[in-house]
Amino acid sequence: MMYQTFKLLCTSCIAICLFNSSIKKENYDNNEKHSLTIEIEGVIIKKGTLYLAMYTTEESFLKEPYKRKKFLLSDFSGKLTFNDLPSGEYAITLYQDLNENEKLDKLFSIPLEPYGVSNNVNSFPKFKDSKIQLNKNKSIKIKIKN
């Protein structure tokens, strides 16, 4: 009886292993790493600092960035790349800090300094409108609104 139970258990394990190995892997693999190149267009005044923030969830959007970078506009080439990003959804915001006070100046929630959002959203940015899907290396363009 014990031998039959052991034999059944081994046969079941082999069947499960064979079944799992025959299933195709999906294209969306969170262990894969990708690069995201961002080209920024429309910079008129080449002064100040460019602040860029990347978000991965609706809850963190415009609150707690997943990644952030800053560049002096005098040193900025117009393109930047984030490497080793896992597959997923990302939304990017950026602004040009002309007066170097390290914040986006606004008047009644209307930006007074140049800014941009992924997907070049024209209304108040929301994660669902700004997000891009990253499951391979990708390049995007963000136009700064002056």
N, C-alpha and C. Protein backbone atom coordinates (compact mmCIF):
# COMPACT_ATOMS: atom_id res chain seq x y z
N MET A 1 0.83 -1.20 0.00
CA MET A 1 0.00 0.00 0.00
C MET A 1 0.87 1.26 0.00
N MET A 2 1.90 1.27 0.83
CA MET A 2 2.77 2.43 0.92
C MET A 2 3.52 2.63 -0.41
N TYR A 3 3.93 1.53 -1.03
CA TYR A 3 4.63 1.60 -2.31
C TYR A 3 3.73 2.19 -3.39
N GLN A 4 2.46 1.81 -3.41
CA GLN A 4 1.51 2.32 -4.40
C GLN A 4 1.27 3.82 -4.21
N THR A 5 1.19 4.25 -2.97
CA THR A 5 1.01 5.67 -2.67
C THR A 5 2.23 6.46 -3.12
N PHE A 6 3.42 5.93 -2.85
CA PHE A 6 4.66 6.57 -3.27
C PHE A 6 4.74 6.65 -4.80
N LYS A 7 4.37 5.56 -5.47
CA LYS A 7 4.38 5.50 -6.93
C LYS A 7 3.40 6.52 -7.52
N LEU A 8 2.21 6.63 -6.95
CA LEU A 8 1.20 7.59 -7.40
C LEU A 8 1.70 9.02 -7.20
N LEU A 9 2.33 9.27 -6.06
CA LEU A 9 2.86 10.60 -5.76
C LEU A 9 3.96 10.97 -6.77
N CYS A 10 4.87 10.06 -7.06
CA CYS A 10 5.95 10.32 -8.02
C CYS A 10 5.38 10.56 -9.42
N THR A 11 4.42 9.75 -9.82
CA THR A 11 3.80 9.91 -11.14
C THR A 11 3.11 11.28 -11.23
N SER A 12 2.44 11.68 -10.17
CA SER A 12 1.77 12.99 -10.16
C SER A 12 2.77 14.13 -10.29
N CYS A 13 3.88 14.02 -9.57
CA CYS A 13 4.92 15.07 -9.63
C CYS A 13 5.51 15.17 -11.03
N ILE A 14 5.77 14.04 -11.66
CA ILE A 14 6.32 14.04 -13.01
C ILE A 14 5.33 14.67 -13.98
N ALA A 15 4.05 14.32 -13.86
CA ALA A 15 3.02 14.87 -14.73
C ALA A 15 2.92 16.39 -14.57
N ILE A 16 2.97 16.87 -13.33
CA ILE A 16 2.90 18.31 -13.08
C ILE A 16 4.10 19.02 -13.68
N CYS A 17 5.29 18.45 -13.52
CA CYS A 17 6.50 19.05 -14.08
C CYS A 17 6.43 19.12 -15.60
N LEU A 18 5.98 18.04 -16.23
CA LEU A 18 5.85 18.03 -17.69
C LEU A 18 4.81 19.03 -18.16
N PHE A 19 3.70 19.12 -17.45
CA PHE A 19 2.64 20.06 -17.81
C PHE A 19 3.13 21.50 -17.70
N ASN A 20 3.81 21.83 -16.62
CA ASN A 20 4.31 23.19 -16.41
C ASN A 20 5.36 23.57 -17.44
N SER A 21 6.20 22.64 -17.85
CA SER A 21 7.23 22.97 -18.82
C SER A 21 6.67 23.14 -20.21
N SER A 22 5.47 22.62 -20.48
CA SER A 22 4.88 22.74 -21.81
C SER A 22 4.09 24.04 -21.96
N ILE A 23 3.81 24.75 -20.87
CA ILE A 23 3.08 26.01 -20.94
C ILE A 23 4.00 27.09 -21.47
N LYS A 24 3.51 27.86 -22.47
CA LYS A 24 4.33 28.94 -23.03
C LYS A 24 4.45 30.07 -22.03
N LYS A 25 5.65 30.64 -21.97
CA LYS A 25 5.84 31.82 -21.13
C LYS A 25 5.16 33.00 -21.81
N GLU A 26 4.51 33.84 -21.03
CA GLU A 26 3.90 35.03 -21.60
C GLU A 26 4.96 36.06 -21.90
N ASN A 27 4.65 36.99 -22.82
CA ASN A 27 5.58 38.04 -23.19
C ASN A 27 5.85 39.00 -22.02
N TYR A 28 4.92 39.07 -21.11
CA TYR A 28 5.02 40.01 -20.00
C TYR A 28 5.71 39.32 -18.83
N ASP A 29 7.00 39.51 -18.71
CA ASP A 29 7.80 38.84 -17.68
C ASP A 29 8.44 39.91 -16.80
N ASN A 30 8.05 39.98 -15.53
CA ASN A 30 8.54 41.05 -14.65
C ASN A 30 10.02 40.93 -14.34
N ASN A 31 10.65 39.81 -14.70
CA ASN A 31 12.08 39.68 -14.50
C ASN A 31 12.88 40.31 -15.63
N GLU A 32 12.22 40.58 -16.74
CA GLU A 32 12.90 41.22 -17.86
C GLU A 32 13.16 42.68 -17.53
N LYS A 33 14.27 43.20 -18.02
CA LYS A 33 14.62 44.61 -17.81
C LYS A 33 14.67 45.30 -19.16
N HIS A 34 14.22 46.54 -19.18
CA HIS A 34 14.14 47.30 -20.42
C HIS A 34 14.70 48.70 -20.20
N SER A 35 14.92 49.39 -21.32
CA SER A 35 15.33 50.79 -21.22
C SER A 35 14.22 51.66 -21.80
N LEU A 36 14.09 52.84 -21.25
CA LEU A 36 13.13 53.83 -21.71
C LEU A 36 13.90 55.10 -22.02
N THR A 37 13.91 55.49 -23.29
CA THR A 37 14.57 56.72 -23.70
C THR A 37 13.50 57.79 -23.86
N ILE A 38 13.74 58.95 -23.27
CA ILE A 38 12.79 60.05 -23.32
C ILE A 38 13.45 61.22 -24.04
N GLU A 39 12.82 61.65 -25.12
CA GLU A 39 13.29 62.82 -25.85
C GLU A 39 12.37 63.98 -25.48
N ILE A 40 12.98 65.07 -25.06
CA ILE A 40 12.21 66.22 -24.61
C ILE A 40 12.29 67.30 -25.67
N GLU A 41 11.12 67.73 -26.15
CA GLU A 41 11.03 68.73 -27.21
C GLU A 41 10.39 70.01 -26.68
N GLY A 42 10.73 71.11 -27.31
CA GLY A 42 10.05 72.37 -27.01
C GLY A 42 10.70 73.22 -25.95
N VAL A 43 11.93 72.91 -25.57
CA VAL A 43 12.62 73.75 -24.59
C VAL A 43 13.02 75.04 -25.32
N ILE A 44 12.46 76.15 -24.88
CA ILE A 44 12.74 77.44 -25.53
C ILE A 44 13.88 78.17 -24.81
N ILE A 45 13.79 78.20 -23.49
CA ILE A 45 14.80 78.90 -22.69
C ILE A 45 15.76 77.86 -22.12
N LYS A 46 17.03 77.97 -22.46
CA LYS A 46 18.03 76.98 -22.01
C LYS A 46 18.65 77.42 -20.69
N LYS A 47 17.81 77.63 -19.69
CA LYS A 47 18.32 77.96 -18.36
C LYS A 47 17.51 77.23 -17.31
N GLY A 48 18.04 77.16 -16.13
CA GLY A 48 17.34 76.50 -15.04
C GLY A 48 17.66 75.02 -14.98
N THR A 49 16.84 74.30 -14.23
CA THR A 49 17.03 72.88 -14.01
C THR A 49 15.79 72.13 -14.49
N LEU A 50 16.00 70.99 -15.12
CA LEU A 50 14.91 70.14 -15.57
C LEU A 50 14.74 69.02 -14.55
N TYR A 51 13.55 68.91 -13.98
CA TYR A 51 13.22 67.87 -13.02
C TYR A 51 12.29 66.86 -13.68
N LEU A 52 12.62 65.58 -13.57
CA LEU A 52 11.83 64.53 -14.17
C LEU A 52 11.47 63.51 -13.11
N ALA A 53 10.21 63.07 -13.10
CA ALA A 53 9.75 62.07 -12.13
C ALA A 53 9.02 60.96 -12.87
N MET A 54 9.24 59.72 -12.42
CA MET A 54 8.61 58.55 -13.01
C MET A 54 7.77 57.87 -11.95
N TYR A 55 6.52 57.53 -12.32
CA TYR A 55 5.58 56.91 -11.38
C TYR A 55 5.11 55.57 -11.93
N THR A 56 4.76 54.64 -11.03
CA THR A 56 4.35 53.31 -11.45
C THR A 56 2.92 52.95 -11.04
N THR A 57 2.28 53.77 -10.22
CA THR A 57 0.91 53.46 -9.78
C THR A 57 0.07 54.73 -9.71
N GLU A 58 -1.23 54.53 -9.76
CA GLU A 58 -2.19 55.63 -9.61
C GLU A 58 -2.03 56.28 -8.23
N GLU A 59 -1.81 55.45 -7.21
CA GLU A 59 -1.72 55.95 -5.84
C GLU A 59 -0.49 56.84 -5.63
N SER A 60 0.60 56.52 -6.30
CA SER A 60 1.83 57.29 -6.11
C SER A 60 1.95 58.49 -7.06
N PHE A 61 1.09 58.53 -8.09
CA PHE A 61 1.20 59.54 -9.14
C PHE A 61 1.13 60.96 -8.57
N LEU A 62 2.12 61.75 -8.91
CA LEU A 62 2.31 63.14 -8.47
C LEU A 62 2.57 63.27 -6.96
N LYS A 63 2.82 62.13 -6.30
CA LYS A 63 3.10 62.16 -4.86
C LYS A 63 4.48 61.60 -4.55
N GLU A 64 4.69 60.34 -4.89
CA GLU A 64 5.93 59.65 -4.54
C GLU A 64 6.50 58.96 -5.79
N PRO A 65 7.50 59.58 -6.42
CA PRO A 65 8.06 58.99 -7.65
C PRO A 65 8.80 57.68 -7.41
N TYR A 66 8.72 56.82 -8.40
CA TYR A 66 9.50 55.57 -8.42
C TYR A 66 10.96 55.90 -8.69
N LYS A 67 11.20 56.82 -9.63
CA LYS A 67 12.54 57.32 -9.93
C LYS A 67 12.44 58.80 -10.25
N ARG A 68 13.55 59.50 -10.05
CA ARG A 68 13.60 60.92 -10.42
C ARG A 68 15.01 61.27 -10.86
N LYS A 69 15.08 62.26 -11.73
CA LYS A 69 16.36 62.78 -12.21
C LYS A 69 16.25 64.28 -12.35
N LYS A 70 17.40 64.94 -12.28
CA LYS A 70 17.43 66.37 -12.54
C LYS A 70 18.68 66.71 -13.33
N PHE A 71 18.54 67.71 -14.20
CA PHE A 71 19.63 68.11 -15.09
C PHE A 71 19.66 69.62 -15.19
N LEU A 72 20.85 70.18 -15.27
CA LEU A 72 20.98 71.58 -15.64
C LEU A 72 20.69 71.67 -17.12
N LEU A 73 19.84 72.61 -17.52
CA LEU A 73 19.49 72.73 -18.94
C LEU A 73 20.69 73.06 -19.79
N SER A 74 21.66 73.74 -19.24
CA SER A 74 22.86 74.09 -20.01
C SER A 74 23.66 72.84 -20.38
N ASP A 75 23.52 71.73 -19.61
CA ASP A 75 24.24 70.49 -19.87
C ASP A 75 23.38 69.41 -20.53
N PHE A 76 22.10 69.68 -20.72
CA PHE A 76 21.16 68.65 -21.17
C PHE A 76 21.15 68.53 -22.69
N SER A 77 21.23 67.29 -23.18
CA SER A 77 21.30 67.02 -24.63
C SER A 77 19.93 66.93 -25.29
N GLY A 78 18.87 66.81 -24.51
CA GLY A 78 17.54 66.67 -25.09
C GLY A 78 16.99 65.26 -24.96
N LYS A 79 17.85 64.30 -24.62
CA LYS A 79 17.43 62.91 -24.44
C LYS A 79 18.01 62.37 -23.14
N LEU A 80 17.26 61.47 -22.52
CA LEU A 80 17.78 60.75 -21.36
C LEU A 80 17.21 59.35 -21.38
N THR A 81 17.94 58.43 -20.77
CA THR A 81 17.53 57.03 -20.78
C THR A 81 17.54 56.47 -19.36
N PHE A 82 16.46 55.78 -19.04
CA PHE A 82 16.39 54.99 -17.81
C PHE A 82 16.64 53.55 -18.23
N ASN A 83 17.62 52.91 -17.62
CA ASN A 83 17.95 51.52 -17.92
C ASN A 83 17.46 50.61 -16.80
N ASP A 84 17.39 49.32 -17.10
CA ASP A 84 17.06 48.29 -16.11
C ASP A 84 15.70 48.49 -15.46
N LEU A 85 14.71 48.89 -16.26
CA LEU A 85 13.35 49.04 -15.75
C LEU A 85 12.59 47.73 -15.96
N PRO A 86 11.89 47.25 -14.92
CA PRO A 86 11.09 46.05 -15.12
C PRO A 86 9.88 46.35 -16.00
N SER A 87 9.34 45.31 -16.63
CA SER A 87 8.11 45.47 -17.41
C SER A 87 7.03 46.06 -16.52
N GLY A 88 6.21 46.93 -17.09
CA GLY A 88 5.12 47.50 -16.32
C GLY A 88 4.62 48.81 -16.90
N GLU A 89 3.83 49.51 -16.12
CA GLU A 89 3.26 50.79 -16.53
C GLU A 89 4.03 51.92 -15.86
N TYR A 90 4.30 52.96 -16.63
CA TYR A 90 5.04 54.12 -16.13
C TYR A 90 4.39 55.39 -16.64
N ALA A 91 4.36 56.40 -15.79
CA ALA A 91 3.93 57.74 -16.19
C ALA A 91 5.06 58.69 -15.82
N ILE A 92 5.35 59.64 -16.71
CA ILE A 92 6.47 60.55 -16.51
C ILE A 92 5.96 61.99 -16.48
N THR A 93 6.45 62.75 -15.52
CA THR A 93 6.18 64.19 -15.49
C THR A 93 7.53 64.90 -15.44
N LEU A 94 7.55 66.11 -15.97
CA LEU A 94 8.77 66.90 -15.89
C LEU A 94 8.40 68.38 -15.85
N TYR A 95 9.32 69.16 -15.32
CA TYR A 95 9.16 70.61 -15.37
C TYR A 95 10.51 71.27 -15.40
N GLN A 96 10.52 72.48 -15.94
CA GLN A 96 11.73 73.29 -16.02
C GLN A 96 11.67 74.36 -14.94
N ASP A 97 12.55 74.25 -13.98
CA ASP A 97 12.59 75.19 -12.85
C ASP A 97 13.42 76.41 -13.27
N LEU A 98 12.74 77.43 -13.74
CA LEU A 98 13.43 78.61 -14.26
C LEU A 98 14.04 79.47 -13.16
N ASN A 99 13.39 79.54 -12.01
CA ASN A 99 13.89 80.42 -10.93
C ASN A 99 14.65 79.65 -9.85
N GLU A 100 14.94 78.37 -10.09
CA GLU A 100 15.78 77.55 -9.19
C GLU A 100 15.26 77.46 -7.75
N ASN A 101 13.92 77.42 -7.58
CA ASN A 101 13.38 77.25 -6.22
C ASN A 101 12.98 75.80 -5.94
N GLU A 102 13.35 74.88 -6.85
CA GLU A 102 13.16 73.44 -6.70
C GLU A 102 11.69 73.01 -6.59
N LYS A 103 10.80 73.77 -7.21
CA LYS A 103 9.38 73.38 -7.27
C LYS A 103 8.75 73.99 -8.52
N LEU A 104 7.66 73.39 -8.95
CA LEU A 104 6.91 73.90 -10.09
C LEU A 104 6.01 75.02 -9.57
N ASP A 105 6.29 76.22 -10.01
CA ASP A 105 5.48 77.37 -9.58
C ASP A 105 4.13 77.32 -10.30
N LYS A 106 3.05 77.56 -9.52
CA LYS A 106 1.69 77.52 -10.05
C LYS A 106 0.90 78.71 -9.53
N LEU A 107 -0.12 79.03 -10.28
CA LEU A 107 -1.09 80.04 -9.86
C LEU A 107 -2.46 79.39 -10.02
N PHE A 108 -3.13 79.13 -8.91
CA PHE A 108 -4.42 78.43 -8.91
C PHE A 108 -4.34 77.11 -9.68
N SER A 109 -3.33 76.32 -9.39
CA SER A 109 -3.07 75.01 -10.00
C SER A 109 -2.65 75.08 -11.47
N ILE A 110 -2.45 76.26 -12.02
CA ILE A 110 -1.99 76.40 -13.39
C ILE A 110 -0.48 76.63 -13.36
N PRO A 111 0.29 75.75 -14.02
CA PRO A 111 1.76 75.89 -14.01
C PRO A 111 2.22 77.20 -14.63
N LEU A 112 3.16 77.85 -13.96
CA LEU A 112 3.75 79.08 -14.47
C LEU A 112 5.10 78.82 -15.13
N GLU A 113 5.61 77.61 -14.98
CA GLU A 113 6.89 77.24 -15.58
C GLU A 113 6.63 76.13 -16.59
N PRO A 114 7.53 75.97 -17.57
CA PRO A 114 7.35 74.92 -18.57
C PRO A 114 7.28 73.54 -17.92
N TYR A 115 6.39 72.68 -18.45
CA TYR A 115 6.20 71.35 -17.91
C TYR A 115 5.80 70.39 -19.03
N GLY A 116 5.85 69.10 -18.76
CA GLY A 116 5.43 68.10 -19.72
C GLY A 116 5.01 66.82 -19.02
N VAL A 117 4.23 66.00 -19.74
CA VAL A 117 3.71 64.75 -19.20
C VAL A 117 3.78 63.70 -20.30
N SER A 118 4.07 62.46 -19.93
CA SER A 118 4.08 61.39 -20.93
C SER A 118 2.72 61.31 -21.62
N ASN A 119 2.73 60.88 -22.86
CA ASN A 119 1.56 60.88 -23.75
C ASN A 119 1.10 62.29 -24.09
N ASN A 120 1.89 63.29 -23.70
CA ASN A 120 1.60 64.70 -23.98
C ASN A 120 0.16 65.07 -23.65
N VAL A 121 -0.25 64.67 -22.47
CA VAL A 121 -1.60 64.95 -21.97
C VAL A 121 -1.80 66.46 -21.86
N ASN A 122 -2.91 66.95 -22.36
CA ASN A 122 -3.19 68.39 -22.34
C ASN A 122 -4.00 68.85 -21.14
N SER A 123 -4.76 67.95 -20.54
CA SER A 123 -5.55 68.32 -19.38
C SER A 123 -4.74 68.07 -18.11
N PHE A 124 -5.39 68.27 -16.96
CA PHE A 124 -4.71 67.97 -15.70
C PHE A 124 -4.30 66.50 -15.74
N PRO A 125 -3.01 66.20 -15.53
CA PRO A 125 -2.55 64.82 -15.73
C PRO A 125 -3.12 63.83 -14.72
N LYS A 126 -3.54 62.69 -15.26
CA LYS A 126 -3.96 61.55 -14.45
C LYS A 126 -3.11 60.37 -14.87
N PHE A 127 -2.87 59.46 -13.96
CA PHE A 127 -2.03 58.30 -14.25
C PHE A 127 -2.57 57.53 -15.45
N LYS A 128 -3.87 57.29 -15.48
CA LYS A 128 -4.45 56.46 -16.55
C LYS A 128 -4.26 57.08 -17.93
N ASP A 129 -4.19 58.41 -18.01
CA ASP A 129 -3.99 59.08 -19.29
C ASP A 129 -2.51 59.23 -19.64
N SER A 130 -1.67 59.24 -18.65
CA SER A 130 -0.24 59.50 -18.83
C SER A 130 0.61 58.24 -18.94
N LYS A 131 0.07 57.11 -18.53
CA LYS A 131 0.88 55.90 -18.44
C LYS A 131 1.24 55.34 -19.83
N ILE A 132 2.41 54.74 -19.86
CA ILE A 132 2.86 53.99 -21.04
C ILE A 132 3.14 52.57 -20.59
N GLN A 133 3.01 51.65 -21.50
CA GLN A 133 3.30 50.24 -21.21
C GLN A 133 4.72 49.95 -21.66
N LEU A 134 5.53 49.44 -20.75
CA LEU A 134 6.91 49.09 -21.07
C LEU A 134 7.07 47.58 -20.96
N ASN A 135 7.19 46.91 -22.12
CA ASN A 135 7.46 45.47 -22.12
C ASN A 135 8.56 45.13 -23.12
N LYS A 136 9.22 46.18 -23.61
CA LYS A 136 10.40 46.08 -24.47
C LYS A 136 11.08 47.44 -24.43
N ASN A 137 12.30 47.53 -24.95
CA ASN A 137 12.98 48.83 -25.00
C ASN A 137 12.12 49.79 -25.80
N LYS A 138 12.03 51.03 -25.32
CA LYS A 138 11.09 51.97 -25.93
C LYS A 138 11.66 53.38 -25.91
N SER A 139 11.25 54.19 -26.89
CA SER A 139 11.56 55.62 -26.93
C SER A 139 10.26 56.40 -27.00
N ILE A 140 10.18 57.47 -26.22
CA ILE A 140 9.00 58.33 -26.27
C ILE A 140 9.45 59.79 -26.40
N LYS A 141 8.52 60.65 -26.80
CA LYS A 141 8.79 62.09 -26.87
C LYS A 141 7.80 62.78 -25.95
N ILE A 142 8.33 63.74 -25.20
CA ILE A 142 7.48 64.59 -24.36
C ILE A 142 7.71 66.02 -24.79
N LYS A 143 6.62 66.70 -25.13
CA LYS A 143 6.71 68.10 -25.54
C LYS A 143 6.46 68.98 -24.33
N ILE A 144 7.39 69.88 -24.08
CA ILE A 144 7.24 70.82 -22.96
C ILE A 144 6.24 71.89 -23.37
N LYS A 145 5.33 72.15 -22.46
CA LYS A 145 4.34 73.22 -22.66
C LYS A 145 4.88 74.47 -21.98
N ASN A 146 5.07 75.52 -22.74
CA ASN A 146 5.65 76.76 -22.20
C ASN A 146 4.58 77.74 -21.80
